[in-house]
Amino acid sequence: MAARTGDLARRVAHRRRELRLSYDEVARRAEMHADYVEYLEHAPFVALGPGALQRLASALETTVDDLRGGTVDRPPGPGRAGPHPHLDVLSREECEAHLAGGGVGRFVFISSDWPVALPVNFRFLDGDVVFRTRTEGLLAAAAGTHVGFEVDHIDDAMSEGWSVLIGGLVRLVDDSHELEQIAALGVEPWPGGRREAVMRIETEAITGRRIRQRTKSAGEV
């Protein structure tokens, strides 16, 4: 039986593929041999010295903490505001551009006596959010109600980020043509299992905000 790939190896492989780099390109950037970079992606355990780990992180345009997984269990944004923060209101077009690639967002609905927010893997289709869930689950039970959906991204290093909030009516999709369209998007829930109910949030309102660091003008000290 093949040895199980280690966590560092998986993160290195994922980041390299994300950047669309070859083994040779990573090796050149990190001052390593290409065969060793390939080995790193399949090894069950690798003990890299701090210098080599830093070069590898730089080559993959990430941080040592991210490669080690040290930030996995910490919520984003624990740092302070940047030196020149500026809050922008996003246009509808900018909001939709942030949602276009899909990802993970929070489905916000009322269950019993209070609001609930649960993460789901989603795709964006013709201005609406679509996702899959369990047929008899808590999320499917929200069909026919008005809900919220929130997506955000935090850049801790730059103290920047954005968030988009959607409000609308959610429904269970049962039209065969519509189901084919959504299936083609490849919505893959991370929890796995049988998640055959397809939900669609028909967008009625969409708003967004962005925090960025403003560049100082020449007259500012």
Protein backbone atom coordinates (compact mmCIF):
# COMPACT_ATOMS: atom_id res chain seq x y z
CA MET A 1 0.00 0.00 0.00
CA ALA A 2 1.33 3.45 -0.90
CA ALA A 3 2.25 5.76 1.96
CA ARG A 4 -0.28 8.46 2.81
CA THR A 5 0.69 11.89 1.51
CA GLY A 6 1.51 14.33 4.30
CA ASP A 7 -0.26 17.64 4.94
CA LEU A 8 2.72 19.73 3.82
CA ALA A 9 2.94 17.70 0.62
CA ARG A 10 -0.75 18.23 -0.11
CA ARG A 11 -0.49 21.97 0.44
CA VAL A 12 2.59 22.28 -1.76
CA ALA A 13 0.90 20.30 -4.56
CA HIS A 14 -2.33 22.27 -4.29
CA ARG A 15 -0.58 25.64 -4.37
CA ARG A 16 1.65 24.66 -7.30
CA ARG A 17 -1.39 23.56 -9.33
CA GLU A 18 -3.25 26.70 -8.31
CA LEU A 19 -0.41 28.83 -9.74
CA ARG A 20 -0.11 26.50 -12.76
CA LEU A 21 3.62 26.05 -12.20
CA SER A 22 5.69 23.09 -13.31
CA TYR A 23 8.10 21.25 -11.03
CA ASP A 24 10.96 22.93 -12.88
CA GLU A 25 9.52 26.41 -12.34
CA VAL A 26 9.04 25.86 -8.61
CA ALA A 27 12.49 24.32 -8.32
CA ARG A 28 14.12 27.28 -10.04
CA ARG A 29 12.33 29.75 -7.80
CA ALA A 30 13.11 27.79 -4.62
CA GLU A 31 16.70 26.89 -5.61
CA MET A 32 15.90 23.17 -5.40
CA HIS A 33 16.11 20.24 -7.75
CA ALA A 34 12.93 19.52 -9.72
CA ASP A 35 13.00 15.85 -8.66
CA TYR A 36 13.06 16.93 -5.02
CA VAL A 37 10.05 19.24 -5.51
CA GLU A 38 8.16 16.31 -7.03
CA TYR A 39 9.20 14.12 -4.10
CA LEU A 40 7.94 16.75 -1.64
CA GLU A 41 4.44 16.48 -3.12
CA HIS A 42 4.19 12.75 -2.46
CA ALA A 43 6.11 12.22 0.77
CA PRO A 44 4.22 11.19 3.93
CA PHE A 45 6.53 13.36 6.05
CA VAL A 46 9.24 15.88 5.20
CA ALA A 47 11.43 17.82 7.65
CA LEU A 48 12.51 20.98 5.85
CA GLY A 49 14.87 23.44 7.46
CA PRO A 50 13.59 26.99 8.00
CA GLY A 51 15.60 28.35 5.06
CA ALA A 52 14.35 25.75 2.59
CA LEU A 53 10.77 26.13 3.82
CA GLN A 54 10.96 29.91 3.41
CA ARG A 55 12.32 29.58 -0.14
CA LEU A 56 9.57 27.11 -1.00
CA ALA A 57 6.89 29.40 0.42
CA SER A 58 8.28 32.34 -1.58
CA ALA A 59 8.40 30.22 -4.72
CA LEU A 60 4.73 29.35 -4.25
CA GLU A 61 3.78 32.96 -3.44
CA THR A 62 2.46 32.06 0.01
CA THR A 63 3.67 32.02 3.60
CA VAL A 64 5.41 29.44 5.78
CA ASP A 65 2.40 29.46 8.12
CA ASP A 66 0.06 28.63 5.24
CA LEU A 67 2.26 25.77 4.04
CA ARG A 68 2.44 24.38 7.56
CA GLY A 69 -1.33 24.77 8.00
CA GLY A 70 -0.81 26.97 11.03
CA THR A 71 -3.69 29.28 10.05
CA VAL A 72 -6.22 26.55 9.20
CA ASP A 73 -7.96 26.58 12.59
CA ARG A 74 -7.83 30.34 13.09
CA PRO A 75 -10.54 32.71 11.81
CA PRO A 76 -9.26 35.33 9.34
CA GLY A 77 -8.74 38.96 10.25
CA PRO A 78 -7.27 38.88 13.79
CA GLY A 79 -4.89 41.77 13.08
CA ARG A 80 -5.39 45.50 13.33
CA ALA A 81 -6.62 47.90 10.68
CA GLY A 82 -4.04 48.99 8.13
CA PRO A 83 -2.43 52.45 8.19
CA HIS A 84 -4.76 54.03 5.60
CA PRO A 85 -8.02 52.04 5.43
CA HIS A 86 -10.75 53.10 3.03
CA LEU A 87 -14.23 51.59 2.85
CA ASP A 88 -15.79 51.36 -0.63
CA VAL A 89 -19.34 50.43 -1.60
CA LEU A 90 -19.24 47.91 -4.45
CA SER A 91 -21.42 48.23 -7.53
CA ARG A 92 -23.67 45.36 -8.57
CA GLU A 93 -21.22 44.50 -11.35
CA GLU A 94 -18.31 44.36 -8.88
CA CYS A 95 -20.34 42.18 -6.51
CA GLU A 96 -21.19 39.75 -9.28
CA ALA A 97 -17.56 39.62 -10.40
CA HIS A 98 -16.56 38.44 -6.90
CA LEU A 99 -19.23 35.71 -7.03
CA ALA A 100 -18.60 34.57 -10.60
CA GLY A 101 -16.02 31.92 -9.72
CA GLY A 102 -18.10 30.30 -6.98
CA GLY A 103 -16.52 28.99 -3.79
CA VAL A 104 -17.74 28.81 -0.20
CA GLY A 105 -20.34 31.18 1.19
CA ARG A 106 -22.70 31.34 4.18
CA PHE A 107 -26.37 30.49 3.71
CA VAL A 108 -28.37 32.55 6.23
CA PHE A 109 -31.93 31.49 7.10
CA ILE A 110 -34.39 31.28 9.98
CA SER A 111 -34.61 27.96 11.81
CA SER A 112 -36.97 27.67 14.78
CA ASP A 113 -36.54 30.93 16.69
CA TRP A 114 -33.26 32.41 15.46
CA PRO A 115 -31.14 33.02 12.35
CA VAL A 116 -28.67 30.32 11.29
CA ALA A 117 -25.63 30.75 9.01
CA LEU A 118 -24.07 27.64 7.50
CA PRO A 119 -21.23 27.38 4.94
CA VAL A 120 -21.99 25.79 1.56
CA ASN A 121 -20.12 25.30 -1.70
CA PHE A 122 -21.85 27.39 -4.34
CA ARG A 123 -21.82 28.45 -7.97
CA PHE A 124 -23.21 31.60 -9.59
CA LEU A 125 -25.72 31.17 -12.42
CA ASP A 126 -27.44 34.04 -14.25
CA GLY A 127 -27.25 36.29 -11.21
CA ASP A 128 -28.41 33.63 -8.73
CA VAL A 129 -26.60 31.46 -6.17
CA VAL A 130 -27.04 27.68 -6.50
CA PHE A 131 -25.86 24.89 -4.20
CA ARG A 132 -26.60 21.30 -3.27
CA THR A 133 -27.73 19.89 0.06
CA ARG A 134 -29.42 16.88 1.65
CA THR A 135 -33.02 16.33 0.57
CA GLU A 136 -34.35 16.03 4.12
CA GLY A 137 -31.85 18.38 5.73
CA LEU A 138 -32.13 21.67 7.57
CA LEU A 139 -31.15 23.74 4.53
CA ALA A 140 -33.70 22.14 2.21
CA ALA A 141 -36.41 22.93 4.75
CA ALA A 142 -35.77 26.64 4.14
CA ALA A 143 -37.15 26.40 0.58
CA GLY A 144 -39.87 28.93 -0.08
CA THR A 145 -38.53 31.52 2.39
CA HIS A 146 -36.53 34.71 2.10
CA VAL A 147 -32.89 34.14 2.99
CA GLY A 148 -29.48 35.78 2.92
CA PHE A 149 -26.19 34.63 1.41
CA GLU A 150 -22.80 36.09 2.30
CA VAL A 151 -19.38 35.65 0.69
CA ASP A 152 -16.16 37.34 1.73
CA HIS A 153 -12.40 37.31 1.40
CA ILE A 154 -9.88 38.57 3.95
CA ASP A 155 -6.24 39.45 3.20
CA ASP A 156 -4.62 39.43 6.65
CA ALA A 157 -1.25 40.56 5.37
CA MET A 158 -2.65 43.73 3.77
CA SER A 159 -5.55 44.30 6.22
CA GLU A 160 -7.84 44.36 3.20
CA GLY A 161 -10.92 42.43 2.19
CA TRP A 162 -14.37 42.43 0.66
CA SER A 163 -17.81 41.06 1.39
CA VAL A 164 -20.93 40.56 -0.72
CA LEU A 165 -24.43 40.01 0.66
CA ILE A 166 -27.39 38.66 -1.31
CA GLY A 167 -31.02 38.63 -0.27
CA GLY A 168 -33.73 36.69 -2.06
CA LEU A 169 -36.21 33.84 -2.20
CA VAL A 170 -34.72 30.34 -2.09
CA ARG A 171 -36.42 27.42 -3.83
CA LEU A 172 -35.82 23.77 -4.60
CA VAL A 173 -34.99 23.27 -8.28
CA ASP A 174 -37.12 20.59 -9.96
CA ASP A 175 -37.11 21.62 -13.63
CA SER A 176 -35.06 19.10 -15.62
CA HIS A 177 -33.49 21.67 -17.96
CA GLU A 178 -32.50 23.88 -15.04
CA LEU A 179 -31.05 20.89 -13.19
CA GLU A 180 -28.90 20.06 -16.24
CA GLN A 181 -27.59 23.63 -16.34
CA ILE A 182 -26.63 23.51 -12.67
CA ALA A 183 -25.13 20.02 -12.92
CA ALA A 184 -22.82 21.30 -15.66
CA LEU A 185 -21.38 23.83 -13.18
CA GLY A 186 -19.92 21.01 -11.07
CA VAL A 187 -21.11 22.00 -7.61
CA GLU A 188 -19.20 19.66 -5.24
CA PRO A 189 -20.09 20.00 -1.53
CA TRP A 190 -17.06 19.38 0.68
CA PRO A 191 -19.01 17.25 3.19
CA GLY A 192 -19.61 14.67 0.44
CA GLY A 193 -22.38 12.09 0.70
CA ARG A 194 -25.73 12.13 -1.04
CA ARG A 195 -26.70 15.78 -1.47
CA GLU A 196 -29.26 15.60 -4.23
CA ALA A 197 -31.43 18.60 -3.39
CA VAL A 198 -30.50 21.62 -5.54
CA MET A 199 -31.29 25.03 -4.06
CA ARG A 200 -31.43 28.32 -5.94
CA ILE A 201 -31.50 31.76 -4.35
CA GLU A 202 -33.32 34.11 -6.71
CA THR A 203 -31.49 37.36 -6.09
CA GLU A 204 -33.66 40.33 -5.13
CA ALA A 205 -30.95 42.51 -3.60
CA ILE A 206 -27.16 42.44 -3.74
CA THR A 207 -24.75 44.72 -1.89
CA GLY A 208 -21.04 44.68 -1.20
CA ARG A 209 -18.24 46.51 0.56
CA ARG A 210 -14.48 46.52 0.23
CA ILE A 211 -11.77 47.66 2.63
CA ARG A 212 -8.58 48.71 0.89
CA GLN A 213 -5.44 50.56 1.93
CA ARG A 214 -5.37 54.01 0.41
CA THR A 215 -2.09 55.31 -0.95
CA LYS A 216 -0.98 58.51 0.79
CA SER A 217 -1.03 61.65 -1.33
CA ALA A 218 2.11 63.73 -1.79
CA GLY A 219 0.86 66.28 0.75
CA GLU A 220 0.36 63.76 3.55
CA VAL A 221 3.10 63.13 6.11
